[in-house]
């Protein structure tokens, strides 16, 4: 097996696949939102155990996901 090919022996690169990254971002944001709702449902025991930072993790995940959706929406146009 050869590790290096001459440019004349290479096959052409495939064309890029068209994807809609906004849908994947939306799924991720919705999962962070579900996690936030679940954590808010058990807020008392969560804070008693000292795990209040989990709430902020969900909030930051949602915020970064929304920034990602805005960016991919801007890039898509």
PDB file of N, CA and C in Angstrom:
ATOM      1  N   UNK A   1       0.837  -1.173   0.000  1.00  0.00           N
ATOM      2  CA  UNK A   1       0.000   0.000   0.000  1.00  0.00           C
ATOM      3  C   UNK A   1       0.887   1.242   0.000  1.00  0.00           C
ATOM      4  N   UNK A   2       0.575   2.155  -0.892  1.00  0.00           N
ATOM      5  CA  UNK A   2       1.357   3.388  -0.984  1.00  0.00           C
ATOM      6  C   UNK A   2       0.708   4.476  -0.141  1.00  0.00           C
ATOM      7  N   UNK A   3       1.524   5.258   0.515  1.00  0.00           N
ATOM      8  CA  UNK A   3       1.009   6.327   1.352  1.00  0.00           C
ATOM      9  C   UNK A   3       0.920   7.656   0.618  1.00  0.00           C
ATOM     10  N   UNK A   4       1.617   7.779  -0.492  1.00  0.00           N
ATOM     11  CA  UNK A   4       1.633   9.045  -1.212  1.00  0.00           C
ATOM     12  C   UNK A   4       1.339   8.788  -2.681  1.00  0.00           C
ATOM     13  N   UNK A   5       0.425   9.561  -3.231  1.00  0.00           N
ATOM     14  CA  UNK A   5       0.091   9.450  -4.651  1.00  0.00           C
ATOM     15  C   UNK A   5       0.494  10.729  -5.362  1.00  0.00           C
ATOM     16  N   UNK A   6       0.866  10.574  -6.609  1.00  0.00           N
ATOM     17  CA  UNK A   6       1.122  11.745  -7.430  1.00  0.00           C
ATOM     18  C   UNK A   6      -0.210  12.423  -7.739  1.00  0.00           C
ATOM     19  N   UNK A   7      -0.158  13.702  -8.020  1.00  0.00           N
ATOM     20  CA  UNK A   7      -1.388  14.427  -8.324  1.00  0.00           C
ATOM     21  C   UNK A   7      -2.100  13.847  -9.544  1.00  0.00           C
ATOM     22  N   UNK A   8      -1.360  13.327 -10.482  1.00  0.00           N
ATOM     23  CA  UNK A   8      -1.975  12.757 -11.682  1.00  0.00           C
ATOM     24  C   UNK A   8      -2.688  11.438 -11.392  1.00  0.00           C
ATOM     25  N   UNK A   9      -2.331  10.760 -10.308  1.00  0.00           N
ATOM     26  CA  UNK A   9      -2.939   9.477  -9.963  1.00  0.00           C
ATOM     27  C   UNK A   9      -4.144   9.620  -9.030  1.00  0.00           C
ATOM     28  N   UNK A  10      -4.335  10.797  -8.457  1.00  0.00           N
ATOM     29  CA  UNK A  10      -5.419  10.992  -7.501  1.00  0.00           C
ATOM     30  C   UNK A  10      -6.761  11.109  -8.207  1.00  0.00           C
ATOM     31  N   UNK A  11      -7.778  10.577  -7.572  1.00  0.00           N
ATOM     32  CA  UNK A  11      -9.139  10.815  -8.052  1.00  0.00           C
ATOM     33  C   UNK A  11      -9.571  12.206  -7.628  1.00  0.00           C
ATOM     34  N   UNK A  12     -10.513  12.807  -8.338  1.00  0.00           N
ATOM     35  CA  UNK A  12     -10.952  14.148  -7.937  1.00  0.00           C
ATOM     36  C   UNK A  12     -11.699  14.110  -6.601  1.00  0.00           C
ATOM     37  N   UNK A  13     -11.612  15.206  -5.865  1.00  0.00           N
ATOM     38  CA  UNK A  13     -12.308  15.304  -4.582  1.00  0.00           C
ATOM     39  C   UNK A  13     -13.812  15.279  -4.813  1.00  0.00           C
ATOM     40  N   UNK A  14     -14.557  14.612  -3.925  1.00  0.00           N
ATOM     41  CA  UNK A  14     -16.021  14.625  -4.074  1.00  0.00           C
ATOM     42  C   UNK A  14     -16.579  16.009  -3.778  1.00  0.00           C
ATOM     43  N   UNK A  15     -17.724  16.286  -4.341  1.00  0.00           N
ATOM     44  CA  UNK A  15     -18.357  17.575  -4.081  1.00  0.00           C
ATOM     45  C   UNK A  15     -18.910  17.586  -2.654  1.00  0.00           C
ATOM     46  N   UNK A  16     -18.943  18.749  -2.005  1.00  0.00           N
ATOM     47  CA  UNK A  16     -19.438  18.812  -0.629  1.00  0.00           C
ATOM     48  C   UNK A  16     -20.925  18.455  -0.550  1.00  0.00           C
ATOM     49  N   UNK A  17     -21.296  17.828   0.546  1.00  0.00           N
ATOM     50  CA  UNK A  17     -22.678  17.433   0.763  1.00  0.00           C
ATOM     51  C   UNK A  17     -23.448  18.634   1.318  1.00  0.00           C
ATOM     52  N   UNK A  18     -24.615  18.886   0.769  1.00  0.00           N
ATOM     53  CA  UNK A  18     -25.463  19.979   1.256  1.00  0.00           C
ATOM     54  C   UNK A  18     -26.164  19.512   2.528  1.00  0.00           C
ATOM     55  N   UNK A  19     -25.963  20.229   3.612  1.00  0.00           N
ATOM     56  CA  UNK A  19     -26.616  19.890   4.871  1.00  0.00           C
ATOM     57  C   UNK A  19     -27.292  21.131   5.440  1.00  0.00           C
ATOM     58  N   UNK A  20     -28.230  20.896   6.330  1.00  0.00           N
ATOM     59  CA  UNK A  20     -28.891  21.994   7.027  1.00  0.00           C
ATOM     60  C   UNK A  20     -28.536  21.875   8.503  1.00  0.00           C
ATOM     61  N   UNK A  21     -27.486  22.572   8.898  1.00  0.00           N
ATOM     62  CA  UNK A  21     -26.981  22.479  10.262  1.00  0.00           C
ATOM     63  C   UNK A  21     -27.928  23.108  11.271  1.00  0.00           C
ATOM     64  N   UNK A  22     -28.838  23.933  10.803  1.00  0.00           N
ATOM     65  CA  UNK A  22     -29.767  24.600  11.710  1.00  0.00           C
ATOM     66  C   UNK A  22     -30.666  23.585  12.419  1.00  0.00           C
ATOM     67  N   UNK A  23     -31.030  22.517  11.724  1.00  0.00           N
ATOM     68  CA  UNK A  23     -31.880  21.496  12.347  1.00  0.00           C
ATOM     69  C   UNK A  23     -31.141  20.789  13.487  1.00  0.00           C
ATOM     70  N   UNK A  24     -29.881  20.478  13.276  1.00  0.00           N
ATOM     71  CA  UNK A  24     -29.094  19.826  14.328  1.00  0.00           C
ATOM     72  C   UNK A  24     -28.924  20.755  15.527  1.00  0.00           C
ATOM     73  N   UNK A  25     -28.692  22.033  15.271  1.00  0.00           N
ATOM     74  CA  UNK A  25     -28.577  23.006  16.366  1.00  0.00           C
ATOM     75  C   UNK A  25     -29.892  23.125  17.124  1.00  0.00           C
ATOM     76  N   UNK A  26     -30.995  23.119  16.403  1.00  0.00           N
ATOM     77  CA  UNK A  26     -32.302  23.228  17.044  1.00  0.00           C
ATOM     78  C   UNK A  26     -32.585  22.024  17.936  1.00  0.00           C
ATOM     79  N   UNK A  27     -32.189  20.844  17.499  1.00  0.00           N
ATOM     80  CA  UNK A  27     -32.357  19.647  18.331  1.00  0.00           C
ATOM     81  C   UNK A  27     -31.512  19.765  19.600  1.00  0.00           C
ATOM     82  N   UNK A  28     -30.278  20.238  19.456  1.00  0.00           N
ATOM     83  CA  UNK A  28     -29.416  20.402  20.620  1.00  0.00           C
ATOM     84  C   UNK A  28     -29.964  21.410  21.610  1.00  0.00           C
ATOM     85  N   UNK A  29     -30.456  22.543  21.116  1.00  0.00           N
ATOM     86  CA  UNK A  29     -31.027  23.563  22.002  1.00  0.00           C
ATOM     87  C   UNK A  29     -32.263  23.029  22.703  1.00  0.00           C
ATOM     88  N   UNK A  30     -33.087  22.286  21.967  1.00  0.00           N
ATOM     89  CA  UNK A  30     -34.291  21.745  22.603  1.00  0.00           C
ATOM     90  C   UNK A  30     -33.939  20.716  23.678  1.00  0.00           C
ATOM     91  N   UNK A  31     -32.888  19.946  23.480  1.00  0.00           N
ATOM     92  CA  UNK A  31     -32.462  18.997  24.518  1.00  0.00           C
ATOM     93  C   UNK A  31     -31.935  19.729  25.749  1.00  0.00           C
ATOM     94  N   UNK A  32     -31.198  20.829  25.553  1.00  0.00           N
ATOM     95  CA  UNK A  32     -30.758  21.636  26.698  1.00  0.00           C
ATOM     96  C   UNK A  32     -31.949  22.229  27.424  1.00  0.00           C
ATOM     97  N   UNK A  33     -32.964  22.634  26.668  1.00  0.00           N
ATOM     98  CA  UNK A  33     -34.163  23.201  27.278  1.00  0.00           C
ATOM     99  C   UNK A  33     -34.904  22.146  28.100  1.00  0.00           C
ATOM    100  N   UNK A  34     -35.001  20.936  27.591  1.00  0.00           N
ATOM    101  CA  UNK A  34     -35.639  19.849  28.344  1.00  0.00           C
ATOM    102  C   UNK A  34     -34.855  19.567  29.623  1.00  0.00           C
ATOM    103  N   UNK A  35     -33.530  19.565  29.519  1.00  0.00           N
ATOM    104  CA  UNK A  35     -32.704  19.337  30.712  1.00  0.00           C
ATOM    105  C   UNK A  35     -32.911  20.440  31.739  1.00  0.00           C
ATOM    106  N   UNK A  36     -33.052  21.681  31.280  1.00  0.00           N
ATOM    107  CA  UNK A  36     -33.298  22.789  32.204  1.00  0.00           C
ATOM    108  C   UNK A  36     -34.636  22.638  32.897  1.00  0.00           C
ATOM    109  N   UNK A  37     -35.660  22.241  32.172  1.00  0.00           N
ATOM    110  CA  UNK A  37     -36.982  22.056  32.773  1.00  0.00           C
ATOM    111  C   UNK A  37     -36.943  20.935  33.812  1.00  0.00           C
ATOM    112  N   UNK A  38     -36.253  19.852  33.504  1.00  0.00           N
ATOM    113  CA  UNK A  38     -36.145  18.740  34.459  1.00  0.00           C
ATOM    114  C   UNK A  38     -35.407  19.199  35.717  1.00  0.00           C
ATOM    115  N   UNK A  39     -34.337  19.964  35.539  1.00  0.00           N
ATOM    116  CA  UNK A  39     -33.589  20.438  36.704  1.00  0.00           C
ATOM    117  C   UNK A  39     -34.406  21.431  37.523  1.00  0.00           C
ATOM    118  N   UNK A  40     -35.208  22.252  36.856  1.00  0.00           N
ATOM    119  CA  UNK A  40     -36.067  23.174  37.604  1.00  0.00           C
ATOM    120  C   UNK A  40     -37.156  22.424  38.363  1.00  0.00           C
ATOM    121  N   UNK A  41     -37.566  21.257  37.856  1.00  0.00           N
ATOM    122  CA  UNK A  41     -38.577  20.456  38.548  1.00  0.00           C
ATOM    123  C   UNK A  41     -38.029  19.878  39.847  1.00  0.00           C
ATOM    124  N   UNK A  42     -36.736  19.647  39.909  1.00  0.00           N
ATOM    125  CA  UNK A  42     -36.114  19.095  41.122  1.00  0.00           C
ATOM    126  C   UNK A  42     -35.147  20.120  41.720  1.00  0.00           C
ATOM    127  N   UNK A  43     -35.549  21.365  41.717  1.00  0.00           N
ATOM    128  CA  UNK A  43     -34.669  22.460  42.138  1.00  0.00           C
ATOM    129  C   UNK A  43     -34.269  22.354  43.606  1.00  0.00           C
ATOM    130  N   UNK A  44     -35.212  22.013  44.480  1.00  0.00           N
ATOM    131  CA  UNK A  44     -34.914  21.928  45.914  1.00  0.00           C
ATOM    132  C   UNK A  44     -33.815  20.928  46.224  1.00  0.00           C
ATOM    133  N   UNK A  45     -33.997  19.663  45.859  1.00  0.00           N
ATOM    134  CA  UNK A  45     -32.932  18.681  46.137  1.00  0.00           C
ATOM    135  C   UNK A  45     -31.630  18.986  45.397  1.00  0.00           C
ATOM    136  N   UNK A  46     -31.752  19.602  44.228  1.00  0.00           N
ATOM    137  CA  UNK A  46     -30.551  19.931  43.452  1.00  0.00           C
ATOM    138  C   UNK A  46     -29.692  20.957  44.187  1.00  0.00           C
ATOM    139  N   UNK A  47     -30.337  21.991  44.698  1.00  0.00           N
ATOM    140  CA  UNK A  47     -29.594  23.013  45.436  1.00  0.00           C
ATOM    141  C   UNK A  47     -29.107  22.500  46.781  1.00  0.00           C
ATOM    142  N   UNK A  48     -29.898  21.605  47.404  1.00  0.00           N
ATOM    143  CA  UNK A  48     -29.480  21.036  48.688  1.00  0.00           C
ATOM    144  C   UNK A  48     -28.223  20.178  48.530  1.00  0.00           C
ATOM    145  N   UNK A  49     -28.077  19.549  47.374  1.00  0.00           N
ATOM    146  CA  UNK A  49     -26.904  18.713  47.125  1.00  0.00           C
ATOM    147  C   UNK A  49     -25.704  19.536  46.654  1.00  0.00           C
ATOM    148  N   UNK A  50     -25.911  20.839  46.440  1.00  0.00           N
ATOM    149  CA  UNK A  50     -24.806  21.687  46.006  1.00  0.00           C
ATOM    150  C   UNK A  50     -24.521  21.616  44.521  1.00  0.00           C
ATOM    151  N   UNK A  51     -25.511  21.241  43.732  1.00  0.00           N
ATOM    152  CA  UNK A  51     -25.327  21.112  42.287  1.00  0.00           C
ATOM    153  C   UNK A  51     -26.061  22.193  41.514  1.00  0.00           C
ATOM    154  N   UNK A  52     -26.055  23.403  42.033  1.00  0.00           N
ATOM    155  CA  UNK A  52     -26.745  24.504  41.370  1.00  0.00           C
ATOM    156  C   UNK A  52     -26.095  24.928  40.063  1.00  0.00           C
ATOM    157  N   UNK A  53     -24.820  24.581  39.877  1.00  0.00           N
ATOM    158  CA  UNK A  53     -24.147  24.944  38.630  1.00  0.00           C
ATOM    159  C   UNK A  53     -24.702  24.188  37.426  1.00  0.00           C
ATOM    160  N   UNK A  54     -25.382  23.097  37.660  1.00  0.00           N
ATOM    161  CA  UNK A  54     -25.989  22.359  36.549  1.00  0.00           C
ATOM    162  C   UNK A  54     -27.008  23.227  35.828  1.00  0.00           C
ATOM    163  N   UNK A  55     -27.710  24.071  36.577  1.00  0.00           N
ATOM    164  CA  UNK A  55     -28.669  24.983  35.951  1.00  0.00           C
ATOM    165  C   UNK A  55     -27.956  25.936  34.990  1.00  0.00           C
ATOM    166  N   UNK A  56     -26.836  26.476  35.438  1.00  0.00           N
ATOM    167  CA  UNK A  56     -26.092  27.402  34.587  1.00  0.00           C
ATOM    168  C   UNK A  56     -25.504  26.696  33.370  1.00  0.00           C
ATOM    169  N   UNK A  57     -25.180  25.428  33.518  1.00  0.00           N
ATOM    170  CA  UNK A  57     -24.688  24.672  32.374  1.00  0.00           C
ATOM    171  C   UNK A  57     -25.758  24.600  31.288  1.00  0.00           C
ATOM    172  N   UNK A  58     -26.998  24.355  31.703  1.00  0.00           N
ATOM    173  CA  UNK A  58     -28.106  24.307  30.738  1.00  0.00           C
ATOM    174  C   UNK A  58     -28.348  25.675  30.116  1.00  0.00           C
ATOM    175  N   UNK A  59     -28.289  26.719  30.919  1.00  0.00           N
ATOM    176  CA  UNK A  59     -28.517  28.074  30.397  1.00  0.00           C
ATOM    177  C   UNK A  59     -27.440  28.443  29.377  1.00  0.00           C
ATOM    178  N   UNK A  60     -26.187  28.125  29.693  1.00  0.00           N
ATOM    179  CA  UNK A  60     -25.101  28.433  28.760  1.00  0.00           C
ATOM    180  C   UNK A  60     -25.223  27.574  27.498  1.00  0.00           C
ATOM    181  N   UNK A  61     -25.632  26.321  27.638  1.00  0.00           N
ATOM    182  CA  UNK A  61     -25.845  25.468  26.468  1.00  0.00           C
ATOM    183  C   UNK A  61     -26.918  26.026  25.550  1.00  0.00           C
ATOM    184  N   UNK A  62     -28.003  26.523  26.139  1.00  0.00           N
ATOM    185  CA  UNK A  62     -29.078  27.125  25.345  1.00  0.00           C
ATOM    186  C   UNK A  62     -28.576  28.395  24.660  1.00  0.00           C
ATOM    187  N   UNK A  63     -27.849  29.235  25.405  1.00  0.00           N
ATOM    188  CA  UNK A  63     -27.357  30.494  24.836  1.00  0.00           C
ATOM    189  C   UNK A  63     -26.381  30.241  23.687  1.00  0.00           C
ATOM    190  N   UNK A  64     -25.449  29.322  23.876  1.00  0.00           N
ATOM    191  CA  UNK A  64     -24.502  29.020  22.806  1.00  0.00           C
ATOM    192  C   UNK A  64     -25.190  28.375  21.611  1.00  0.00           C
ATOM    193  N   UNK A  65     -26.200  27.563  21.875  1.00  0.00           N
ATOM    194  CA  UNK A  65     -26.955  26.973  20.772  1.00  0.00           C
ATOM    195  C   UNK A  65     -27.699  28.018  19.970  1.00  0.00           C
ATOM    196  N   UNK A  66     -28.269  29.016  20.654  1.00  0.00           N
ATOM    197  CA  UNK A  66     -28.960  30.089  19.939  1.00  0.00           C
ATOM    198  C   UNK A  66     -27.986  30.930  19.118  1.00  0.00           C
ATOM    199  N   UNK A  67     -26.800  31.168  19.668  1.00  0.00           N
ATOM    200  CA  UNK A  67     -25.776  31.869  18.893  1.00  0.00           C
ATOM    201  C   UNK A  67     -25.392  31.037  17.670  1.00  0.00           C
ATOM    202  N   UNK A  68     -25.276  29.737  17.844  1.00  0.00           N
ATOM    203  CA  UNK A  68     -24.958  28.862  16.726  1.00  0.00           C
ATOM    204  C   UNK A  68     -26.041  28.857  15.665  1.00  0.00           C
ATOM    205  N   UNK A  69     -27.298  28.876  16.090  1.00  0.00           N
ATOM    206  CA  UNK A  69     -28.407  28.929  15.133  1.00  0.00           C
ATOM    207  C   UNK A  69     -28.366  30.242  14.355  1.00  0.00           C
ATOM    208  N   UNK A  70     -28.122  31.346  15.058  1.00  0.00           N
ATOM    209  CA  UNK A  70     -28.035  32.633  14.375  1.00  0.00           C
ATOM    210  C   UNK A  70     -26.876  32.653  13.379  1.00  0.00           C
ATOM    211  N   UNK A  71     -25.745  32.088  13.771  1.00  0.00           N
ATOM    212  CA  UNK A  71     -24.585  32.062  12.883  1.00  0.00           C
ATOM    213  C   UNK A  71     -24.847  31.194  11.652  1.00  0.00           C
ATOM    214  N   UNK A  72     -25.395  30.006  11.859  1.00  0.00           N
ATOM    215  CA  UNK A  72     -25.649  29.138  10.706  1.00  0.00           C
ATOM    216  C   UNK A  72     -26.743  29.707   9.825  1.00  0.00           C
ATOM    217  N   UNK A  73     -27.697  30.422  10.420  1.00  0.00           N
ATOM    218  CA  UNK A  73     -28.727  31.067   9.626  1.00  0.00           C
ATOM    219  C   UNK A  73     -28.117  32.185   8.770  1.00  0.00           C
ATOM    220  N   UNK A  74     -27.189  32.955   9.365  1.00  0.00           N
ATOM    221  CA  UNK A  74     -26.514  34.012   8.623  1.00  0.00           C
ATOM    222  C   UNK A  74     -25.634  33.416   7.517  1.00  0.00           C
ATOM    223  N   UNK A  75     -24.956  32.321   7.819  1.00  0.00           N
ATOM    224  CA  UNK A  75     -24.076  31.690   6.845  1.00  0.00           C
ATOM    225  C   UNK A  75     -24.848  31.011   5.720  1.00  0.00           C
ATOM    226  N   UNK A  76     -26.053  30.536   6.049  1.00  0.00           N
ATOM    227  CA  UNK A  76     -26.874  29.808   5.086  1.00  0.00           C
ATOM    228  C   UNK A  76     -27.411  30.739   3.994  1.00  0.00           C
ATOM    229  N   UNK A  77     -27.625  32.016   4.329  1.00  0.00           N
ATOM    230  CA  UNK A  77     -28.188  32.940   3.332  1.00  0.00           C
ATOM    231  C   UNK A  77     -27.145  33.476   2.405  1.00  0.00           C
TER     232      UNK A  77
END
